[in-house]
């Protein structure tokens, strides 16, 4: 595994922009569990579940970035992207301080993967390491065929991530604009929410496009400028 900045081994497909600072937390206990997972007394195992637009991947990648900032080693595995490979990539991950496994349900029901995940869980626990996983459903609803794995998955602290309402999506968009160093007036933010894609990744992509255009044209964000730049 190639190491990058500090002690961080990023893993597969970790986006630079996925940080806790631009995620709109609706639960204080969730924020505390994730931000403090690698602190003394932090949760050894955290399980996140929710729909496709609930921010699961963002949070797992943000946890990896925070681990790197703390001088720790973290690895991100999106199983929907790499689950078609054999589970050899799990070997050696027990050396990481944090392993973040996304879309766990992508390999549930496959004997070799379930066995490999079960053994990785045990090695991480025995070594005092930390595990953060996500899936589309609660642990008890995962159709795991290995009873021991199903049992282990129910031991963690579990959080349900619900989709954001329009007010929360507005705050998330303003957070992302602030992250880009952009002033985003409320009326412009509401216009983008009304005309833009429903998904947060789509909205954030639009914000990145507006950032580039604003910098190039030396223009501030107004509704006419957004219309012109995004072709709405």
Protein backbone atom coordinates (compact mmCIF):
# COMPACT_ATOMS: atom_id res chain seq x y z
CA UNK A 1 0.00 0.00 0.00
CA UNK A 2 1.54 3.26 -1.10
CA UNK A 3 1.79 5.82 1.67
CA UNK A 4 0.93 9.44 1.04
CA UNK A 5 1.18 12.49 3.30
CA UNK A 6 2.15 11.76 6.89
CA UNK A 7 1.10 8.31 7.97
CA UNK A 8 -2.02 8.15 5.83
CA UNK A 9 -2.63 5.28 3.39
CA UNK A 10 -5.67 6.70 1.64
CA UNK A 11 -7.00 3.61 -0.07
CA UNK A 12 -9.30 3.62 -3.10
CA UNK A 13 -11.07 6.71 -4.43
CA UNK A 14 -10.73 9.07 -1.46
CA UNK A 15 -11.74 12.59 -2.51
CA UNK A 16 -9.74 15.53 -1.17
CA UNK A 17 -12.97 17.48 -0.60
CA UNK A 18 -14.50 14.82 1.67
CA UNK A 19 -13.93 16.33 5.11
CA UNK A 20 -15.92 16.69 8.31
CA UNK A 21 -15.75 20.48 7.99
CA UNK A 22 -18.04 20.52 4.95
CA UNK A 23 -20.49 17.87 6.18
CA UNK A 24 -23.71 19.08 7.76
CA UNK A 25 -24.07 16.94 10.89
CA UNK A 26 -27.62 16.56 12.19
CA UNK A 27 -26.55 14.40 15.15
CA UNK A 28 -24.09 15.49 17.83
CA UNK A 29 -23.52 11.89 18.93
CA UNK A 30 -22.61 10.87 15.36
CA UNK A 31 -20.14 13.74 15.04
CA UNK A 32 -18.55 12.90 18.39
CA UNK A 33 -18.28 9.18 17.59
CA UNK A 34 -16.62 9.72 14.21
CA UNK A 35 -14.32 12.59 15.16
CA UNK A 36 -13.26 10.86 18.36
CA UNK A 37 -13.00 7.31 17.12
CA UNK A 38 -9.18 7.28 17.16
CA UNK A 39 -8.93 9.16 20.46
CA UNK A 40 -8.32 7.27 23.72
CA UNK A 41 -11.58 5.58 24.61
CA UNK A 42 -12.95 5.99 21.07
CA UNK A 43 -15.40 3.51 19.62
CA UNK A 44 -13.61 0.44 18.19
CA UNK A 45 -16.40 -0.25 15.69
CA UNK A 46 -18.91 2.16 14.14
CA UNK A 47 -21.60 1.08 11.68
CA UNK A 48 -23.36 3.65 9.45
CA UNK A 49 -26.40 2.86 7.35
CA UNK A 50 -28.63 4.87 5.06
CA UNK A 51 -29.66 5.48 1.47
CA UNK A 52 -27.44 6.38 -1.48
CA UNK A 53 -27.61 10.14 -0.85
CA UNK A 54 -27.19 9.99 2.92
CA UNK A 55 -23.49 10.90 2.93
CA UNK A 56 -22.10 7.53 3.99
CA UNK A 57 -19.12 7.61 1.62
CA UNK A 58 -18.33 11.22 2.48
CA UNK A 59 -18.16 10.40 6.18
CA UNK A 60 -15.94 7.35 5.72
CA UNK A 61 -13.53 9.30 3.54
CA UNK A 62 -13.57 12.23 5.96
CA UNK A 63 -12.64 9.85 8.78
CA UNK A 64 -9.63 8.69 6.75
CA UNK A 65 -8.53 12.28 6.17
CA UNK A 66 -8.84 13.08 9.87
CA UNK A 67 -6.79 10.00 10.73
CA UNK A 68 -4.03 11.23 8.44
CA UNK A 69 -4.10 14.67 10.03
CA UNK A 70 -3.63 12.96 13.40
CA UNK A 71 -0.59 11.06 12.12
CA UNK A 72 -2.52 7.78 11.97
CA UNK A 73 -2.86 5.27 9.14
CA UNK A 74 -6.25 4.75 7.55
CA UNK A 75 -7.52 2.82 4.55
CA UNK A 76 -10.77 3.26 2.59
CA UNK A 77 -12.34 0.36 0.69
CA UNK A 78 -15.47 0.96 -1.45
CA UNK A 79 -16.76 -2.57 -1.94
CA UNK A 80 -19.28 -1.62 -4.65
CA UNK A 81 -16.24 -0.71 -6.79
CA UNK A 82 -13.82 -3.50 -5.89
CA UNK A 83 -16.01 -6.24 -4.45
CA UNK A 84 -15.83 -8.20 -7.72
CA UNK A 85 -12.20 -8.98 -6.89
CA UNK A 86 -11.21 -11.75 -4.44
CA UNK A 87 -10.87 -10.50 -0.84
CA UNK A 88 -7.05 -10.64 -0.84
CA UNK A 89 -6.93 -6.86 -0.44
CA UNK A 90 -8.06 -7.26 3.17
CA UNK A 91 -4.75 -8.89 4.04
CA UNK A 92 -2.50 -6.61 6.06
CA UNK A 93 -5.22 -4.07 6.81
CA UNK A 94 -5.04 -4.95 10.49
CA UNK A 95 -1.87 -2.83 10.52
CA UNK A 96 -3.98 0.28 9.87
CA UNK A 97 -5.23 2.41 12.75
CA UNK A 98 -8.57 2.77 10.96
CA UNK A 99 -10.16 0.66 8.25
CA UNK A 100 -13.19 2.24 6.54
CA UNK A 101 -15.26 -0.23 4.53
CA UNK A 102 -17.96 1.32 2.34
CA UNK A 103 -21.01 -0.48 0.87
CA UNK A 104 -20.55 -3.59 2.99
CA UNK A 105 -23.74 -5.12 1.61
CA UNK A 106 -22.06 -5.29 -1.81
CA UNK A 107 -20.28 -8.50 -0.81
CA UNK A 108 -22.64 -9.94 1.80
CA UNK A 109 -23.79 -13.40 0.79
CA UNK A 110 -20.43 -14.30 -0.75
CA UNK A 111 -18.74 -16.93 1.40
CA UNK A 112 -15.09 -15.97 0.81
CA UNK A 113 -15.74 -12.29 1.43
CA UNK A 114 -17.78 -12.94 4.57
CA UNK A 115 -15.06 -15.17 6.01
CA UNK A 116 -12.35 -12.61 5.16
CA UNK A 117 -14.35 -9.80 6.76
CA UNK A 118 -14.95 -11.89 9.88
CA UNK A 119 -11.22 -12.59 10.29
CA UNK A 120 -10.32 -8.95 9.60
CA UNK A 121 -12.78 -7.83 12.26
CA UNK A 122 -11.17 -10.15 14.79
CA UNK A 123 -7.63 -9.07 13.92
CA UNK A 124 -8.55 -5.39 14.20
CA UNK A 125 -10.25 -5.94 17.54
CA UNK A 126 -7.40 -8.02 18.94
CA UNK A 127 -4.88 -5.39 17.81
CA UNK A 128 -6.78 -2.48 19.33
CA UNK A 129 -7.48 -1.01 15.88
CA UNK A 130 -10.66 0.65 14.66
CA UNK A 131 -13.26 -0.24 12.05
CA UNK A 132 -15.81 2.02 10.36
CA UNK A 133 -18.29 0.47 7.93
CA UNK A 134 -21.31 1.55 5.93
CA UNK A 135 -24.21 -0.29 4.35
CA UNK A 136 -27.65 0.48 2.97
CA UNK A 137 -29.48 -1.26 5.82
CA UNK A 138 -29.20 -1.93 9.53
CA UNK A 139 -26.91 -4.80 10.68
CA UNK A 140 -29.83 -7.08 11.58
CA UNK A 141 -31.21 -6.78 8.03
CA UNK A 142 -27.98 -7.76 6.25
CA UNK A 143 -28.48 -11.22 4.69
CA UNK A 144 -25.17 -12.55 6.00
CA UNK A 145 -24.78 -16.30 5.62
CA UNK A 146 -21.97 -16.54 8.18
CA UNK A 147 -23.60 -16.32 11.64
CA UNK A 148 -20.36 -15.27 13.33
CA UNK A 149 -20.01 -12.28 11.00
CA UNK A 150 -23.64 -11.27 11.56
CA UNK A 151 -22.99 -11.41 15.30
CA UNK A 152 -19.86 -9.24 15.06
CA UNK A 153 -21.64 -6.61 12.97
CA UNK A 154 -24.26 -6.17 15.67
CA UNK A 155 -21.63 -5.36 18.31
CA UNK A 156 -20.76 -1.91 17.02
CA UNK A 157 -22.28 1.49 17.65
CA UNK A 158 -24.86 1.99 14.90
CA UNK A 159 -26.08 5.24 13.34
CA UNK A 160 -28.85 5.69 10.81
CA UNK A 161 -28.15 8.45 8.27
CA UNK A 162 -31.37 9.90 6.93
CA UNK A 163 -31.52 12.08 3.85
CA UNK A 164 -31.28 15.84 4.39
CA UNK A 165 -34.36 18.01 4.14
CA UNK A 166 -34.24 21.18 2.05
CA UNK A 167 -33.13 23.34 4.95
CA UNK A 168 -30.26 20.98 5.75
CA UNK A 169 -29.31 20.72 2.08
CA UNK A 170 -29.18 24.54 2.00
CA UNK A 171 -26.79 24.54 4.97
CA UNK A 172 -24.67 21.80 3.36
CA UNK A 173 -24.44 23.84 0.15
CA UNK A 174 -23.40 26.96 2.07
CA UNK A 175 -20.78 24.95 3.92
CA UNK A 176 -19.35 23.75 0.62
CA UNK A 177 -19.34 27.32 -0.77
CA UNK A 178 -17.50 28.49 2.35
CA UNK A 179 -15.00 25.68 1.83
CA UNK A 180 -14.35 27.11 -1.66
CA UNK A 181 -13.99 30.62 -0.21
CA UNK A 182 -17.17 31.77 -1.93
CA UNK A 183 -19.83 34.14 -0.62
CA UNK A 184 -23.16 32.44 -1.34
CA UNK A 185 -26.19 34.66 -0.64
CA UNK A 186 -29.27 32.81 0.60
CA UNK A 187 -31.35 33.71 -2.46
CA UNK A 188 -28.66 32.31 -4.77
CA UNK A 189 -28.33 29.16 -2.67
CA UNK A 190 -32.11 28.62 -2.79
CA UNK A 191 -32.07 29.13 -6.56
CA UNK A 192 -29.34 26.48 -6.97
CA UNK A 193 -31.32 24.06 -4.79
CA UNK A 194 -34.47 24.69 -6.82
CA UNK A 195 -32.88 24.34 -10.26
CA UNK A 196 -29.95 22.03 -9.55
CA UNK A 197 -29.66 18.27 -9.13
CA UNK A 198 -31.29 16.68 -6.09
CA UNK A 199 -28.19 14.77 -5.03
CA UNK A 200 -25.56 16.41 -2.84
CA UNK A 201 -22.69 15.21 -5.05
CA UNK A 202 -24.43 16.84 -8.02
CA UNK A 203 -24.91 20.08 -6.10
CA UNK A 204 -21.29 20.05 -4.95
CA UNK A 205 -20.12 19.48 -8.53
CA UNK A 206 -22.14 22.51 -9.60
CA UNK A 207 -20.53 24.50 -6.79
CA UNK A 208 -17.06 23.51 -7.99
CA UNK A 209 -17.98 24.65 -11.51
CA UNK A 210 -19.23 27.98 -10.15
CA UNK A 211 -16.06 28.37 -8.12
CA UNK A 212 -13.88 28.00 -11.21
CA UNK A 213 -16.05 30.32 -13.27
CA UNK A 214 -16.20 32.95 -10.51
CA UNK A 215 -12.44 32.92 -10.12
CA UNK A 216 -11.86 33.14 -13.87
CA UNK A 217 -14.36 35.94 -14.47
CA UNK A 218 -13.70 37.71 -11.15
CA UNK A 219 -17.47 37.71 -10.58
CA UNK A 220 -19.40 37.15 -7.41
CA UNK A 221 -22.23 34.64 -7.29
CA UNK A 222 -25.52 36.10 -8.43
CA UNK A 223 -28.56 34.40 -9.93
CA UNK A 224 -27.83 35.72 -13.46
CA UNK A 225 -24.20 34.56 -13.18
CA UNK A 226 -25.32 31.09 -12.00
CA UNK A 227 -27.84 30.89 -14.86
CA UNK A 228 -25.16 31.82 -17.40
CA UNK A 229 -22.47 29.52 -16.01
CA UNK A 230 -24.62 26.43 -15.54
CA UNK A 231 -26.82 26.99 -18.59
CA UNK A 232 -30.08 27.04 -16.65
